[in-house]
């Protein structure tokens, strides 16, 4: 099966709609982009934890995650879980910045 057919099948599996309807505004995407800009300007590290969780929850449900390319849990379980665990660890690390000031640890 070609890569384009694989991607179409994955998109169907995770519920992505065709991009032929470009007139519809994707509010969640725009809110996400604005949030990333505000988070970066305000240096709110903990908010990245929220984004990591928002990214990983649908991936666990759909059994497909994306890091450079789609990774299916059934085809590459070790790689899939490595990515999932990494996102969860980064989420926890981001939330920890609420309680630990990593800039002033004295190193």
Protein backbone atom coordinates (compact mmCIF):
# COMPACT_ATOMS: atom_id res chain seq x y z
CA UNK A 1 0.00 0.00 0.00
CA UNK A 2 1.41 3.40 -0.90
CA UNK A 3 2.23 6.06 1.71
CA UNK A 4 -0.60 8.32 0.55
CA UNK A 5 -3.11 5.47 0.92
CA UNK A 6 -1.71 4.69 4.38
CA UNK A 7 -2.11 8.31 5.45
CA UNK A 8 -5.67 8.44 4.10
CA UNK A 9 -6.52 5.27 6.01
CA UNK A 10 -5.01 6.69 9.20
CA UNK A 11 -6.91 9.94 8.72
CA UNK A 12 -10.15 7.98 8.32
CA UNK A 13 -9.31 5.93 11.40
CA UNK A 14 -8.71 8.95 13.62
CA UNK A 15 -11.67 10.83 12.20
CA UNK A 16 -9.92 13.57 10.25
CA UNK A 17 -12.15 15.17 7.67
CA UNK A 18 -11.06 15.90 4.14
CA UNK A 19 -9.33 19.21 3.64
CA UNK A 20 -11.50 19.99 0.61
CA UNK A 21 -13.79 22.12 2.80
CA UNK A 22 -11.33 24.99 3.33
CA UNK A 23 -14.06 27.60 3.92
CA UNK A 24 -14.69 26.29 7.44
CA UNK A 25 -12.61 28.10 10.08
CA UNK A 26 -10.79 25.71 12.39
CA UNK A 27 -11.17 27.57 15.69
CA UNK A 28 -9.38 25.02 17.84
CA UNK A 29 -6.28 25.28 15.65
CA UNK A 30 -6.29 29.08 15.79
CA UNK A 31 -6.82 29.07 19.55
CA UNK A 32 -3.93 26.60 19.86
CA UNK A 33 -1.61 28.77 17.78
CA UNK A 34 -2.49 31.89 19.77
CA UNK A 35 -2.05 29.93 23.01
CA UNK A 36 1.43 28.79 21.99
CA UNK A 37 2.39 32.39 21.18
CA UNK A 38 1.07 33.69 24.52
CA UNK A 39 2.67 30.78 26.42
CA UNK A 40 6.03 31.54 24.84
CA UNK A 41 5.86 35.29 25.46
CA UNK A 42 4.75 34.84 29.09
CA UNK A 43 7.25 31.98 29.66
CA UNK A 44 4.52 29.75 31.10
CA UNK A 45 6.28 26.38 31.03
CA UNK A 46 3.45 24.56 32.82
CA UNK A 47 1.04 25.22 29.95
CA UNK A 48 3.10 22.99 27.69
CA UNK A 49 2.05 20.13 29.96
CA UNK A 50 -1.56 20.82 29.04
CA UNK A 51 -0.72 20.78 25.33
CA UNK A 52 1.22 17.52 25.64
CA UNK A 53 -1.80 15.91 27.31
CA UNK A 54 -4.17 17.30 24.67
CA UNK A 55 -1.91 15.73 22.01
CA UNK A 56 -1.47 12.35 23.67
CA UNK A 57 -5.02 11.49 24.82
CA UNK A 58 -6.44 11.17 21.27
CA UNK A 59 -3.32 9.23 20.25
CA UNK A 60 -3.92 6.65 22.98
CA UNK A 61 -7.57 6.33 21.95
CA UNK A 62 -6.80 6.02 18.22
CA UNK A 63 -3.70 3.83 18.76
CA UNK A 64 -1.78 6.05 16.33
CA UNK A 65 0.67 8.77 17.29
CA UNK A 66 2.63 11.20 15.18
CA UNK A 67 6.26 12.13 15.49
CA UNK A 68 7.71 13.06 12.13
CA UNK A 69 5.40 10.41 10.65
CA UNK A 70 2.46 8.28 11.83
CA UNK A 71 3.38 5.46 14.20
CA UNK A 72 0.76 2.75 14.74
CA UNK A 73 0.69 0.89 18.03
CA UNK A 74 -0.13 -2.41 16.31
CA UNK A 75 2.79 -2.14 13.88
CA UNK A 76 5.49 -0.57 16.09
CA UNK A 77 4.46 -1.02 19.73
CA UNK A 78 7.86 -0.19 21.25
CA UNK A 79 8.25 3.01 19.24
CA UNK A 80 4.62 3.97 19.85
CA UNK A 81 4.91 3.59 23.63
CA UNK A 82 8.29 5.33 23.67
CA UNK A 83 6.67 8.39 22.08
CA UNK A 84 3.61 8.23 24.37
CA UNK A 85 5.72 7.89 27.53
CA UNK A 86 7.99 10.72 26.36
CA UNK A 87 5.00 13.07 25.90
CA UNK A 88 3.65 12.12 29.33
CA UNK A 89 7.07 12.65 30.97
CA UNK A 90 7.41 16.04 29.28
CA UNK A 91 3.93 16.92 30.47
CA UNK A 92 4.83 16.06 34.08
CA UNK A 93 8.12 17.96 33.78
CA UNK A 94 6.24 21.00 32.46
CA UNK A 95 3.74 20.87 35.33
CA UNK A 96 6.60 20.58 37.82
CA UNK A 97 7.73 24.09 36.84
CA UNK A 98 4.79 25.34 38.93
CA UNK A 99 6.57 24.04 42.05
CA UNK A 100 10.26 24.03 41.14
CA UNK A 101 12.22 27.01 39.85
CA UNK A 102 14.71 25.27 37.61
CA UNK A 103 16.47 28.57 36.84
CA UNK A 104 17.55 29.02 40.48
CA UNK A 105 18.69 25.56 41.52
CA UNK A 106 22.24 26.78 42.09
CA UNK A 107 24.01 24.89 39.33
